Amino acid sequence: MSLLTISINGLITILTTCLLIGMLVYILWRHVFQCRGYRMKNIIYKNNNLILQRLKKGKAKILVVMGNGWNVSLDSNNRITKHDPIFRIPKGDLKLLHGCIMDYEIITAYFPFEQPLVGL
């Protein structure tokens, strides 16, 4: 191999490694640290077992409940204190029913980490 080929291969390896490390740091920051301290809005129900958040308010009788299975814990001011690593801040006004009745309501459900042990 020529010196030019070795240099190009080395440069590609260094750039790929830097890109991979950058992506891993971004994923760690985005999914672990960014949401902590964020205040969740439109919480309509909260107890030890369940948190319900309204993402879109509508006048129709259609209610879309999204149970995502994520765990998130909130303090008394609805600020996130703990969350799953894959948790993302939900976007309001989701467009789920394109071409249908556009005046529906969307509620999403979360499960706090402080769930009591039932049956013991």
PDB file of N, CA and C in Angstrom:
ATOM      1  N   MET A   1       0.833  -1.179   0.000  1.00  0.00           N
ATOM      2  CA  MET A   1       0.000   0.000   0.000  1.00  0.00           C
ATOM      3  C   MET A   1       0.878   1.244   0.000  1.00  0.00           C
ATOM      4  N   SER A   2       0.342   2.250  -0.618  1.00  0.00           N
ATOM      5  CA  SER A   2       1.097   3.498  -0.677  1.00  0.00           C
ATOM      6  C   SER A   2       0.862   4.307   0.598  1.00  0.00           C
ATOM      7  N   LEU A   3       1.684   5.294   0.788  1.00  0.00           N
ATOM      8  CA  LEU A   3       1.580   6.166   1.953  1.00  0.00           C
ATOM      9  C   LEU A   3       0.273   6.960   1.924  1.00  0.00           C
ATOM     10  N   LEU A   4      -0.186   7.334   0.740  1.00  0.00           N
ATOM     11  CA  LEU A   4      -1.435   8.083   0.605  1.00  0.00           C
ATOM     12  C   LEU A   4      -2.633   7.235   1.039  1.00  0.00           C
ATOM     13  N   THR A   5      -2.660   5.970   0.649  1.00  0.00           N
ATOM     14  CA  THR A   5      -3.755   5.076   1.022  1.00  0.00           C
ATOM     15  C   THR A   5      -3.791   4.867   2.531  1.00  0.00           C
ATOM     16  N   ILE A   6      -2.645   4.675   3.145  1.00  0.00           N
ATOM     17  CA  ILE A   6      -2.571   4.496   4.594  1.00  0.00           C
ATOM     18  C   ILE A   6      -3.054   5.761   5.304  1.00  0.00           C
ATOM     19  N   SER A   7      -2.669   6.925   4.807  1.00  0.00           N
ATOM     20  CA  SER A   7      -3.083   8.192   5.410  1.00  0.00           C
ATOM     21  C   SER A   7      -4.593   8.384   5.305  1.00  0.00           C
ATOM     22  N   ILE A   8      -5.173   8.065   4.150  1.00  0.00           N
ATOM     23  CA  ILE A   8      -6.625   8.210   3.958  1.00  0.00           C
ATOM     24  C   ILE A   8      -7.379   7.239   4.855  1.00  0.00           C
ATOM     25  N   ASN A   9      -6.916   5.997   4.942  1.00  0.00           N
ATOM     26  CA  ASN A   9      -7.567   5.017   5.823  1.00  0.00           C
ATOM     27  C   ASN A   9      -7.492   5.454   7.288  1.00  0.00           C
ATOM     28  N   GLY A  10      -6.360   5.983   7.699  1.00  0.00           N
ATOM     29  CA  GLY A  10      -6.217   6.470   9.072  1.00  0.00           C
ATOM     30  C   GLY A  10      -7.133   7.653   9.347  1.00  0.00           C
ATOM     31  N   LEU A  11      -7.261   8.563   8.386  1.00  0.00           N
ATOM     32  CA  LEU A  11      -8.131   9.723   8.544  1.00  0.00           C
ATOM     33  C   LEU A  11      -9.602   9.296   8.623  1.00  0.00           C
ATOM     34  N   ILE A  12      -9.993   8.348   7.802  1.00  0.00           N
ATOM     35  CA  ILE A  12     -11.376   7.843   7.835  1.00  0.00           C
ATOM     36  C   ILE A  12     -11.657   7.169   9.178  1.00  0.00           C
ATOM     37  N   THR A  13     -10.712   6.410   9.694  1.00  0.00           N
ATOM     38  CA  THR A  13     -10.880   5.751  10.990  1.00  0.00           C
ATOM     39  C   THR A  13     -11.023   6.775  12.112  1.00  0.00           C
ATOM     40  N   ILE A  14     -10.217   7.803  12.107  1.00  0.00           N
ATOM     41  CA  ILE A  14     -10.286   8.850  13.141  1.00  0.00           C
ATOM     42  C   ILE A  14     -11.608   9.593  13.060  1.00  0.00           C
ATOM     43  N   LEU A  15     -12.052   9.968  11.865  1.00  0.00           N
ATOM     44  CA  LEU A  15     -13.319  10.682  11.709  1.00  0.00           C
ATOM     45  C   LEU A  15     -14.512   9.827  12.131  1.00  0.00           C
ATOM     46  N   THR A  16     -14.481   8.553  11.774  1.00  0.00           N
ATOM     47  CA  THR A  16     -15.565   7.648  12.160  1.00  0.00           C
ATOM     48  C   THR A  16     -15.620   7.484  13.677  1.00  0.00           C
ATOM     49  N   THR A  17     -14.480   7.347  14.312  1.00  0.00           N
ATOM     50  CA  THR A  17     -14.423   7.218  15.765  1.00  0.00           C
ATOM     51  C   THR A  17     -14.942   8.485  16.446  1.00  0.00           C
ATOM     52  N   CYS A  18     -14.536   9.644  15.969  1.00  0.00           N
ATOM     53  CA  CYS A  18     -15.015  10.908  16.542  1.00  0.00           C
ATOM     54  C   CYS A  18     -16.518  11.058  16.364  1.00  0.00           C
ATOM     55  N   LEU A  19     -17.040  10.691  15.215  1.00  0.00           N
ATOM     56  CA  LEU A  19     -18.471  10.767  14.964  1.00  0.00           C
ATOM     57  C   LEU A  19     -19.240   9.824  15.891  1.00  0.00           C
ATOM     58  N   LEU A  20     -18.746   8.616  16.076  1.00  0.00           N
ATOM     59  CA  LEU A  20     -19.390   7.645  16.959  1.00  0.00           C
ATOM     60  C   LEU A  20     -19.390   8.132  18.409  1.00  0.00           C
ATOM     61  N   ILE A  21     -18.283   8.652  18.880  1.00  0.00           N
ATOM     62  CA  ILE A  21     -18.214   9.168  20.250  1.00  0.00           C
ATOM     63  C   ILE A  21     -19.151  10.361  20.413  1.00  0.00           C
ATOM     64  N   GLY A  22     -19.194  11.252  19.429  1.00  0.00           N
ATOM     65  CA  GLY A  22     -20.097  12.396  19.488  1.00  0.00           C
ATOM     66  C   GLY A  22     -21.552  11.982  19.544  1.00  0.00           C
ATOM     67  N   MET A  23     -21.921  10.986  18.758  1.00  0.00           N
ATOM     68  CA  MET A  23     -23.309  10.505  18.764  1.00  0.00           C
ATOM     69  C   MET A  23     -23.662   9.870  20.110  1.00  0.00           C
ATOM     70  N   LEU A  24     -22.754   9.102  20.695  1.00  0.00           N
ATOM     71  CA  LEU A  24     -23.016   8.477  21.985  1.00  0.00           C
ATOM     72  C   LEU A  24     -23.168   9.515  23.092  1.00  0.00           C
ATOM     73  N   VAL A  25     -22.335  10.550  23.086  1.00  0.00           N
ATOM     74  CA  VAL A  25     -22.454  11.621  24.081  1.00  0.00           C
ATOM     75  C   VAL A  25     -23.774  12.361  23.906  1.00  0.00           C
ATOM     76  N   TYR A  26     -24.178  12.631  22.670  1.00  0.00           N
ATOM     77  CA  TYR A  26     -25.449  13.317  22.415  1.00  0.00           C
ATOM     78  C   TYR A  26     -26.626  12.477  22.897  1.00  0.00           C
ATOM     79  N   ILE A  27     -26.623  11.177  22.603  1.00  0.00           N
ATOM     80  CA  ILE A  27     -27.708  10.307  23.031  1.00  0.00           C
ATOM     81  C   ILE A  27     -27.785  10.259  24.557  1.00  0.00           C
ATOM     82  N   LEU A  28     -26.647  10.138  25.224  1.00  0.00           N
ATOM     83  CA  LEU A  28     -26.635  10.124  26.682  1.00  0.00           C
ATOM     84  C   LEU A  28     -27.182  11.428  27.243  1.00  0.00           C
ATOM     85  N   TRP A  29     -26.733  12.555  26.725  1.00  0.00           N
ATOM     86  CA  TRP A  29     -27.219  13.855  27.209  1.00  0.00           C
ATOM     87  C   TRP A  29     -28.700  14.030  26.932  1.00  0.00           C
ATOM     88  N   ARG A  30     -29.152  13.676  25.755  1.00  0.00           N
ATOM     89  CA  ARG A  30     -30.544  13.907  25.355  1.00  0.00           C
ATOM     90  C   ARG A  30     -31.520  13.055  26.149  1.00  0.00           C
ATOM     91  N   HIS A  31     -31.175  11.792  26.351  1.00  0.00           N
ATOM     92  CA  HIS A  31     -32.124  10.872  26.957  1.00  0.00           C
ATOM     93  C   HIS A  31     -32.004  10.746  28.471  1.00  0.00           C
ATOM     94  N   VAL A  32     -30.922  11.184  29.047  1.00  0.00           N
ATOM     95  CA  VAL A  32     -30.761  11.037  30.482  1.00  0.00           C
ATOM     96  C   VAL A  32     -30.874  12.363  31.211  1.00  0.00           C
ATOM     97  N   PHE A  33     -30.248  13.401  30.694  1.00  0.00           N
ATOM     98  CA  PHE A  33     -30.146  14.646  31.445  1.00  0.00           C
ATOM     99  C   PHE A  33     -31.086  15.752  30.992  1.00  0.00           C
ATOM    100  N   GLN A  34     -31.479  15.805  29.742  1.00  0.00           N
ATOM    101  CA  GLN A  34     -32.204  16.963  29.235  1.00  0.00           C
ATOM    102  C   GLN A  34     -33.575  17.152  29.858  1.00  0.00           C
ATOM    103  N   CYS A  35     -34.304  16.093  30.107  1.00  0.00           N
ATOM    104  CA  CYS A  35     -35.678  16.206  30.599  1.00  0.00           C
ATOM    105  C   CYS A  35     -35.753  16.502  32.089  1.00  0.00           C
ATOM    106  N   ARG A  36     -34.712  16.213  32.841  1.00  0.00           N
ATOM    107  CA  ARG A  36     -34.757  16.410  34.285  1.00  0.00           C
ATOM    108  C   ARG A  36     -34.920  17.887  34.610  1.00  0.00           C
ATOM    109  N   GLY A  37     -35.915  18.207  35.432  1.00  0.00           N
ATOM    110  CA  GLY A  37     -36.184  19.595  35.790  1.00  0.00           C
ATOM    111  C   GLY A  37     -37.194  20.273  34.888  1.00  0.00           C
ATOM    112  N   TYR A  38     -37.576  19.638  33.785  1.00  0.00           N
ATOM    113  CA  TYR A  38     -38.562  20.207  32.876  1.00  0.00           C
ATOM    114  C   TYR A  38     -39.946  20.112  33.512  1.00  0.00           C
ATOM    115  N   ARG A  39     -40.741  21.148  33.411  1.00  0.00           N
ATOM    116  CA  ARG A  39     -42.085  21.155  33.994  1.00  0.00           C
ATOM    117  C   ARG A  39     -43.073  20.644  32.961  1.00  0.00           C
ATOM    118  N   MET A  40     -43.761  19.549  33.294  1.00  0.00           N
ATOM    119  CA  MET A  40     -44.772  18.997  32.399  1.00  0.00           C
ATOM    120  C   MET A  40     -46.057  19.802  32.565  1.00  0.00           C
ATOM    121  N   LYS A  41     -46.634  20.197  31.462  1.00  0.00           N
ATOM    122  CA  LYS A  41     -47.840  21.014  31.474  1.00  0.00           C
ATOM    123  C   LYS A  41     -49.066  20.144  31.247  1.00  0.00           C
ATOM    124  N   ASN A  42     -50.229  20.680  31.599  1.00  0.00           N
ATOM    125  CA  ASN A  42     -51.532  20.052  31.354  1.00  0.00           C
ATOM    126  C   ASN A  42     -51.679  18.695  32.022  1.00  0.00           C
ATOM    127  N   ILE A  43     -51.169  18.558  33.249  1.00  0.00           N
ATOM    128  CA  ILE A  43     -51.384  17.341  34.023  1.00  0.00           C
ATOM    129  C   ILE A  43     -52.808  17.401  34.568  1.00  0.00           C
ATOM    130  N   ILE A  44     -53.635  16.426  34.192  1.00  0.00           N
ATOM    131  CA  ILE A  44     -55.034  16.459  34.637  1.00  0.00           C
ATOM    132  C   ILE A  44     -55.306  15.480  35.773  1.00  0.00           C
ATOM    133  N   TYR A  45     -54.405  14.530  35.988  1.00  0.00           N
ATOM    134  CA  TYR A  45     -54.571  13.584  37.096  1.00  0.00           C
ATOM    135  C   TYR A  45     -53.202  13.071  37.497  1.00  0.00           C
ATOM    136  N   LYS A  46     -52.977  12.984  38.814  1.00  0.00           N
ATOM    137  CA  LYS A  46     -51.682  12.496  39.297  1.00  0.00           C
ATOM    138  C   LYS A  46     -51.879  11.838  40.653  1.00  0.00           C
ATOM    139  N   ASN A  47     -51.417  10.596  40.790  1.00  0.00           N
ATOM    140  CA  ASN A  47     -51.334   9.943  42.091  1.00  0.00           C
ATOM    141  C   ASN A  47     -50.124   9.026  42.073  1.00  0.00           C
ATOM    142  N   ASN A  48     -50.025   8.101  43.029  1.00  0.00           N
ATOM    143  CA  ASN A  48     -48.839   7.239  43.119  1.00  0.00           C
ATOM    144  C   ASN A  48     -48.747   6.216  42.003  1.00  0.00           C
ATOM    145  N   ASN A  49     -49.871   5.902  41.348  1.00  0.00           N
ATOM    146  CA  ASN A  49     -49.889   4.838  40.340  1.00  0.00           C
ATOM    147  C   ASN A  49     -49.973   5.324  38.904  1.00  0.00           C
ATOM    148  N   LEU A  50     -50.459   6.542  38.701  1.00  0.00           N
ATOM    149  CA  LEU A  50     -50.765   6.973  37.343  1.00  0.00           C
ATOM    150  C   LEU A  50     -50.661   8.492  37.221  1.00  0.00           C
ATOM    151  N   ILE A  51     -50.150   8.941  36.087  1.00  0.00           N
ATOM    152  CA  ILE A  51     -50.127  10.358  35.733  1.00  0.00           C
ATOM    153  C   ILE A  51     -50.773  10.479  34.360  1.00  0.00           C
ATOM    154  N   LEU A  52     -51.773  11.351  34.233  1.00  0.00           N
ATOM    155  CA  LEU A  52     -52.417  11.599  32.949  1.00  0.00           C
ATOM    156  C   LEU A  52     -52.126  13.023  32.514  1.00  0.00           C
ATOM    157  N   GLN A  53     -51.709  13.166  31.271  1.00  0.00           N
ATOM    158  CA  GLN A  53     -51.394  14.476  30.711  1.00  0.00           C
ATOM    159  C   GLN A  53     -52.215  14.690  29.447  1.00  0.00           C
ATOM    160  N   ARG A  54     -52.849  15.846  29.338  1.00  0.00           N
ATOM    161  CA  ARG A  54     -53.611  16.168  28.137  1.00  0.00           C
ATOM    162  C   ARG A  54     -52.660  16.807  27.129  1.00  0.00           C
ATOM    163  N   LEU A  55     -52.518  16.171  25.968  1.00  0.00           N
ATOM    164  CA  LEU A  55     -51.671  16.718  24.907  1.00  0.00           C
ATOM    165  C   LEU A  55     -52.466  17.598  23.958  1.00  0.00           C
ATOM    166  N   LYS A  56     -53.750  17.299  23.770  1.00  0.00           N
ATOM    167  CA  LYS A  56     -54.577  18.095  22.865  1.00  0.00           C
ATOM    168  C   LYS A  56     -55.999  18.096  23.389  1.00  0.00           C
ATOM    169  N   LYS A  57     -56.592  19.262  23.500  1.00  0.00           N
ATOM    170  CA  LYS A  57     -57.966  19.381  23.973  1.00  0.00           C
ATOM    171  C   LYS A  57     -58.884  19.529  22.770  1.00  0.00           C
ATOM    172  N   GLY A  58     -60.007  18.835  22.804  1.00  0.00           N
ATOM    173  CA  GLY A  58     -60.969  18.901  21.712  1.00  0.00           C
ATOM    174  C   GLY A  58     -62.385  18.941  22.233  1.00  0.00           C
ATOM    175  N   LYS A  59     -63.320  19.237  21.326  1.00  0.00           N
ATOM    176  CA  LYS A  59     -64.732  19.325  21.700  1.00  0.00           C
ATOM    177  C   LYS A  59     -65.504  18.066  21.326  1.00  0.00           C
ATOM    178  N   ALA A  60     -64.946  17.240  20.480  1.00  0.00           N
ATOM    179  CA  ALA A  60     -65.638  16.032  20.041  1.00  0.00           C
ATOM    180  C   ALA A  60     -65.632  14.985  21.145  1.00  0.00           C
ATOM    181  N   LYS A  61     -66.409  13.940  20.942  1.00  0.00           N
ATOM    182  CA  LYS A  61     -66.496  12.872  21.931  1.00  0.00           C
ATOM    183  C   LYS A  61     -65.445  11.789  21.700  1.00  0.00           C
ATOM    184  N   ILE A  62     -64.510  12.046  20.818  1.00  0.00           N
ATOM    185  CA  ILE A  62     -63.449  11.070  20.552  1.00  0.00           C
ATOM    186  C   ILE A  62     -62.288  11.363  21.490  1.00  0.00           C
ATOM    187  N   LEU A  63     -61.871  10.345  22.245  1.00  0.00           N
ATOM    188  CA  LEU A  63     -60.752  10.478  23.162  1.00  0.00           C
ATOM    189  C   LEU A  63     -59.700   9.447  22.784  1.00  0.00           C
ATOM    190  N   VAL A  64     -58.503   9.906  22.536  1.00  0.00           N
ATOM    191  CA  VAL A  64     -57.394   9.020  22.202  1.00  0.00           C
ATOM    192  C   VAL A  64     -56.494   8.946  23.425  1.00  0.00           C
ATOM    193  N   VAL A  65     -56.350   7.764  24.010  1.00  0.00           N
ATOM    194  CA  VAL A  65     -55.497   7.578  25.177  1.00  0.00           C
ATOM    195  C   VAL A  65     -54.254   6.824  24.730  1.00  0.00           C
ATOM    196  N   MET A  66     -53.124   7.434  24.964  1.00  0.00           N
ATOM    197  CA  MET A  66     -51.857   6.826  24.572  1.00  0.00           C
ATOM    198  C   MET A  66     -51.170   6.310  25.834  1.00  0.00           C
ATOM    199  N   GLY A  67     -51.052   5.017  25.977  1.00  0.00           N
ATOM    200  CA  GLY A  67     -50.339   4.431  27.108  1.00  0.00           C
ATOM    201  C   GLY A  67     -48.965   4.013  26.651  1.00  0.00           C
ATOM    202  N   ASN A  68     -47.989   4.835  26.922  1.00  0.00           N
ATOM    203  CA  ASN A  68     -46.666   4.575  26.374  1.00  0.00           C
ATOM    204  C   ASN A  68     -45.813   3.667  27.246  1.00  0.00           C
ATOM    205  N   GLY A  69     -46.215   3.423  28.499  1.00  0.00           N
ATOM    206  CA  GLY A  69     -45.448   2.535  29.357  1.00  0.00           C
ATOM    207  C   GLY A  69     -44.208   3.155  29.954  1.00  0.00           C
ATOM    208  N   TRP A  70     -43.990   4.443  29.736  1.00  0.00           N
ATOM    209  CA  TRP A  70     -42.807   5.099  30.299  1.00  0.00           C
ATOM    210  C   TRP A  70     -43.010   5.407  31.757  1.00  0.00           C
ATOM    211  N   ASN A  71     -41.939   5.381  32.506  1.00  0.00           N
ATOM    212  CA  ASN A  71     -41.968   5.786  33.895  1.00  0.00           C
ATOM    213  C   ASN A  71     -41.395   7.191  34.003  1.00  0.00           C
ATOM    214  N   VAL A  72     -42.091   8.021  34.752  1.00  0.00           N
ATOM    215  CA  VAL A  72     -41.622   9.382  35.008  1.00  0.00           C
ATOM    216  C   VAL A  72     -42.142   9.778  36.380  1.00  0.00           C
ATOM    217  N   SER A  73     -41.322  10.428  37.167  1.00  0.00           N
ATOM    218  CA  SER A  73     -41.731  10.900  38.481  1.00  0.00           C
ATOM    219  C   SER A  73     -41.726  12.420  38.488  1.00  0.00           C
ATOM    220  N   LEU A  74     -42.770  12.986  39.080  1.00  0.00           N
ATOM    221  CA  LEU A  74     -42.925  14.436  39.143  1.00  0.00           C
ATOM    222  C   LEU A  74     -42.956  14.885  40.590  1.00  0.00           C
ATOM    223  N   ASP A  75     -42.463  16.110  40.851  1.00  0.00           N
ATOM    224  CA  ASP A  75     -42.608  16.685  42.185  1.00  0.00           C
ATOM    225  C   ASP A  75     -43.943  17.410  42.276  1.00  0.00           C
ATOM    226  N   SER A  76     -44.163  18.169  43.339  1.00  0.00           N
ATOM    227  CA  SER A  76     -45.450  18.833  43.537  1.00  0.00           C
ATOM    228  C   SER A  76     -45.712  19.937  42.511  1.00  0.00           C
ATOM    229  N   ASN A  77     -44.668  20.449  41.870  1.00  0.00           N
ATOM    230  CA  ASN A  77     -44.815  21.479  40.826  1.00  0.00           C
ATOM    231  C   ASN A  77     -44.816  20.890  39.420  1.00  0.00           C
ATOM    232  N   ASN A  78     -44.974  19.573  39.304  1.00  0.00           N
ATOM    233  CA  ASN A  78     -44.981  18.843  38.030  1.00  0.00           C
ATOM    234  C   ASN A  78     -43.663  18.953  37.275  1.00  0.00           C
ATOM    235  N   ARG A  79     -42.574  19.100  38.002  1.00  0.00           N
ATOM    236  CA  ARG A  79     -41.241  19.062  37.385  1.00  0.00           C
ATOM    237  C   ARG A  79     -40.727  17.625  37.423  1.00  0.00           C
ATOM    238  N   ILE A  80     -40.083  17.220  36.352  1.00  0.00           N
ATOM    239  CA  ILE A  80     -39.575  15.850  36.247  1.00  0.00           C
ATOM    240  C   ILE A  80     -38.383  15.677  37.174  1.00  0.00           C
ATOM    241  N   THR A  81     -38.473  14.690  38.066  1.00  0.00           N
ATOM    242  CA  THR A  81     -37.367  14.401  38.979  1.00  0.00           C
ATOM    243  C   THR A  81     -36.617  13.138  38.572  1.00  0.00           C
ATOM    244  N   LYS A  82     -37.312  12.223  37.894  1.00  0.00           N
ATOM    245  CA  LYS A  82     -36.707  10.969  37.454  1.00  0.00           C
ATOM    246  C   LYS A  82     -37.482  10.473  36.250  1.00  0.00           C
ATOM    247  N   HIS A  83     -36.794   9.888  35.271  1.00  0.00           N
ATOM    248  CA  HIS A  83     -37.483   9.386  34.085  1.00  0.00           C
ATOM    249  C   HIS A  83     -36.698   8.254  33.461  1.00  0.00           C
ATOM    250  N   ASP A  84     -37.392   7.481  32.645  1.00  0.00           N
ATOM    251  CA  ASP A  84     -36.729   6.416  31.883  1.00  0.00           C
ATOM    252  C   ASP A  84     -35.722   7.025  30.913  1.00  0.00           C
ATOM    253  N   PRO A  85     -34.669   6.303  30.598  1.00  0.00           N
ATOM    254  CA  PRO A  85     -33.682   6.843  29.655  1.00  0.00           C
ATOM    255  C   PRO A  85     -34.242   7.135  28.266  1.00  0.00           C
ATOM    256  N   ILE A  86     -35.317   6.446  27.863  1.00  0.00           N
ATOM    257  CA  ILE A  86     -35.873   6.679  26.530  1.00  0.00           C
ATOM    258  C   ILE A  86     -36.964   7.732  26.520  1.00  0.00           C
ATOM    259  N   PHE A  87     -37.244   8.340  27.688  1.00  0.00           N
ATOM    260  CA  PHE A  87     -38.324   9.317  27.779  1.00  0.00           C
ATOM    261  C   PHE A  87     -38.026  10.542  26.922  1.00  0.00           C
ATOM    262  N   ARG A  88     -39.022  11.003  26.189  1.00  0.00           N
ATOM    263  CA  ARG A  88     -38.933  12.240  25.413  1.00  0.00           C
ATOM    264  C   ARG A  88     -40.065  13.146  25.833  1.00  0.00           C
ATOM    265  N   ILE A  89     -39.822  14.430  25.794  1.00  0.00           N
ATOM    266  CA  ILE A  89     -40.859  15.390  26.119  1.00  0.00           C
ATOM    267  C   ILE A  89     -41.906  15.325  25.019  1.00  0.00           C
ATOM    268  N   PRO A  90     -43.170  15.031  25.377  1.00  0.00           N
ATOM    269  CA  PRO A  90     -44.198  14.878  24.340  1.00  0.00           C
ATOM    270  C   PRO A  90     -44.533  16.204  23.678  1.00  0.00           C
ATOM    271  N   LYS A  91     -44.795  16.144  22.412  1.00  0.00           N
ATOM    272  CA  LYS A  91     -45.204  17.323  21.651  1.00  0.00           C
ATOM    273  C   LYS A  91     -46.708  17.457  21.716  1.00  0.00           C
ATOM    274  N   GLY A  92     -47.197  18.657  21.956  1.00  0.00           N
ATOM    275  CA  GLY A  92     -48.634  18.891  21.995  1.00  0.00           C
ATOM    276  C   GLY A  92     -49.219  18.924  20.597  1.00  0.00           C
ATOM    277  N   ASP A  93     -50.512  18.819  20.517  1.00  0.00           N
ATOM    278  CA  ASP A  93     -51.258  18.921  19.268  1.00  0.00           C
ATOM    279  C   ASP A  93     -50.795  17.902  18.236  1.00  0.00           C
ATOM    280  N   LEU A  94     -50.773  16.642  18.633  1.00  0.00           N
ATOM    281  CA  LEU A  94     -50.401  15.582  17.706  1.00  0.00           C
ATOM    282  C   LEU A  94     -51.472  15.417  16.648  1.00  0.00           C
ATOM    283  N   LYS A  95     -51.083  15.107  15.462  1.00  0.00           N
ATOM    284  CA  LYS A  95     -52.025  14.932  14.362  1.00  0.00           C
ATOM    285  C   LYS A  95     -52.138  13.432  14.081  1.00  0.00           C
ATOM    286  N   LEU A  96     -53.079  12.786  14.770  1.00  0.00           N
ATOM    287  CA  LEU A  96     -53.225  11.332  14.642  1.00  0.00           C
ATOM    288  C   LEU A  96     -54.264  10.927  13.614  1.00  0.00           C
ATOM    289  N   LEU A  97     -55.357  11.655  13.555  1.00  0.00           N
ATOM    290  CA  LEU A  97     -56.484  11.233  12.725  1.00  0.00           C
ATOM    291  C   LEU A  97     -56.610  12.130  11.496  1.00  0.00           C
ATOM    292  N   HIS A  98     -55.650  12.069  10.613  1.00  0.00           N
ATOM    293  CA  HIS A  98     -55.689  12.902   9.403  1.00  0.00           C
ATOM    294  C   HIS A  98     -56.881  12.519   8.541  1.00  0.00           C
ATOM    295  N   GLY A  99     -57.611  13.514   8.066  1.00  0.00           N
ATOM    296  CA  GLY A  99     -58.744  13.278   7.189  1.00  0.00           C
ATOM    297  C   GLY A  99     -60.014  12.893   7.914  1.00  0.00           C
ATOM    298  N   CYS A 100     -59.955  12.715   9.218  1.00  0.00           N
ATOM    299  CA  CYS A 100     -61.143  12.364  10.003  1.00  0.00           C
ATOM    300  C   CYS A 100     -61.569  13.589  10.808  1.00  0.00           C
ATOM    301  N   ILE A 101     -62.309  13.346  11.845  1.00  0.00           N
ATOM    302  CA  ILE A 101     -62.707  14.442  12.724  1.00  0.00           C
ATOM    303  C   ILE A 101     -61.449  15.004  13.372  1.00  0.00           C
ATOM    304  N   MET A 102     -61.214  16.276  13.215  1.00  0.00           N
ATOM    305  CA  MET A 102     -59.981  16.878  13.726  1.00  0.00           C
ATOM    306  C   MET A 102     -60.150  17.427  15.134  1.00  0.00           C
ATOM    307  N   ASP A 103     -61.335  17.312  15.698  1.00  0.00           N
ATOM    308  CA  ASP A 103     -61.595  17.908  16.998  1.00  0.00           C
ATOM    309  C   ASP A 103     -61.673  16.824  18.066  1.00  0.00           C
ATOM    310  N   TYR A 104     -60.601  16.079  18.254  1.00  0.00           N
ATOM    311  CA  TYR A 104     -60.558  15.009  19.233  1.00  0.00           C
ATOM    312  C   TYR A 104     -59.628  15.412  20.373  1.00  0.00           C
ATOM    313  N   GLU A 105     -59.622  14.629  21.421  1.00  0.00           N
ATOM    314  CA  GLU A 105     -58.803  14.910  22.587  1.00  0.00           C
ATOM    315  C   GLU A 105     -57.759  13.809  22.749  1.00  0.00           C
ATOM    316  N   ILE A 106     -56.541  14.184  23.098  1.00  0.00           N
ATOM    317  CA  ILE A 106     -55.460  13.210  23.273  1.00  0.00           C
ATOM    318  C   ILE A 106     -54.956  13.291  24.704  1.00  0.00           C
ATOM    319  N   ILE A 107     -54.927  12.155  25.371  1.00  0.00           N
ATOM    320  CA  ILE A 107     -54.399  12.063  26.736  1.00  0.00           C
ATOM    321  C   ILE A 107     -53.350  10.953  26.740  1.00  0.00           C
ATOM    322  N   THR A 108     -52.248  11.197  27.408  1.00  0.00           N
ATOM    323  CA  THR A 108     -51.216  10.172  27.507  1.00  0.00           C
ATOM    324  C   THR A 108     -51.040   9.780  28.970  1.00  0.00           C
ATOM    325  N   ALA A 109     -50.657   8.528  29.202  1.00  0.00           N
ATOM    326  CA  ALA A 109     -50.536   7.983  30.550  1.00  0.00           C
ATOM    327  C   ALA A 109     -49.083   7.650  30.859  1.00  0.00           C
ATOM    328  N   TYR A 110     -48.671   7.957  32.083  1.00  0.00           N
ATOM    329  CA  TYR A 110     -47.334   7.628  32.582  1.00  0.00           C
ATOM    330  C   TYR A 110     -47.480   6.887  33.894  1.00  0.00           C
ATOM    331  N   PHE A 111     -46.455   6.158  34.251  1.00  0.00           N
ATOM    332  CA  PHE A 111     -46.466   5.373  35.474  1.00  0.00           C
ATOM    333  C   PHE A 111     -45.294   5.806  36.349  1.00  0.00           C
ATOM    334  N   PRO A 112     -45.571   6.397  37.506  1.00  0.00           N
ATOM    335  CA  PRO A 112     -44.482   6.880  38.368  1.00  0.00           C
ATOM    336  C   PRO A 112     -43.625   5.742  38.914  1.00  0.00           C
ATOM    337  N   PHE A 113     -42.402   6.074  39.273  1.00  0.00           N
ATOM    338  CA  PHE A 113     -41.506   5.094  39.869  1.00  0.00           C
ATOM    339  C   PHE A 113     -41.939   4.720  41.286  1.00  0.00           C
ATOM    340  N   GLU A 114     -42.717   5.592  41.940  1.00  0.00           N
ATOM    341  CA  GLU A 114     -43.094   5.372  43.331  1.00  0.00           C
ATOM    342  C   GLU A 114     -44.300   4.460  43.474  1.00  0.00           C
ATOM    343  N   GLN A 115     -44.496   3.527  42.588  1.00  0.00           N
ATOM    344  CA  GLN A 115     -45.658   2.635  42.677  1.00  0.00           C
ATOM    345  C   GLN A 115     -45.546   1.777  43.927  1.00  0.00           C
ATOM    346  N   PRO A 116     -46.619   1.764  44.751  1.00  0.00           N
ATOM    347  CA  PRO A 116     -46.562   0.927  45.954  1.00  0.00           C
ATOM    348  C   PRO A 116     -46.688  -0.551  45.593  1.00  0.00           C
ATOM    349  N   LEU A 117     -46.150  -1.380  46.448  1.00  0.00           N
ATOM    350  CA  LEU A 117     -46.250  -2.828  46.247  1.00  0.00           C
ATOM    351  C   LEU A 117     -47.650  -3.254  46.672  1.00  0.00           C
ATOM    352  N   VAL A 118     -48.421  -3.777  45.737  1.00  0.00           N
ATOM    353  CA  VAL A 118     -49.808  -4.160  45.993  1.00  0.00           C
ATOM    354  C   VAL A 118     -49.846  -5.641  46.355  1.00  0.00           C
ATOM    355  N   GLY A 119     -50.650  -5.972  47.356  1.00  0.00           N
ATOM    356  CA  GLY A 119     -50.857  -7.378  47.718  1.00  0.00           C
ATOM    357  C   GLY A 119     -49.872  -7.917  48.717  1.00  0.00           C
ATOM    358  N   LEU A 120     -49.052  -7.086  49.302  1.00  0.00           N
ATOM    359  CA  LEU A 120     -48.108  -7.596  50.319  1.00  0.00           C
ATOM    360  C   LEU A 120     -48.558  -7.252  51.699  1.00  0.00           C
TER     361      LEU A 120
END
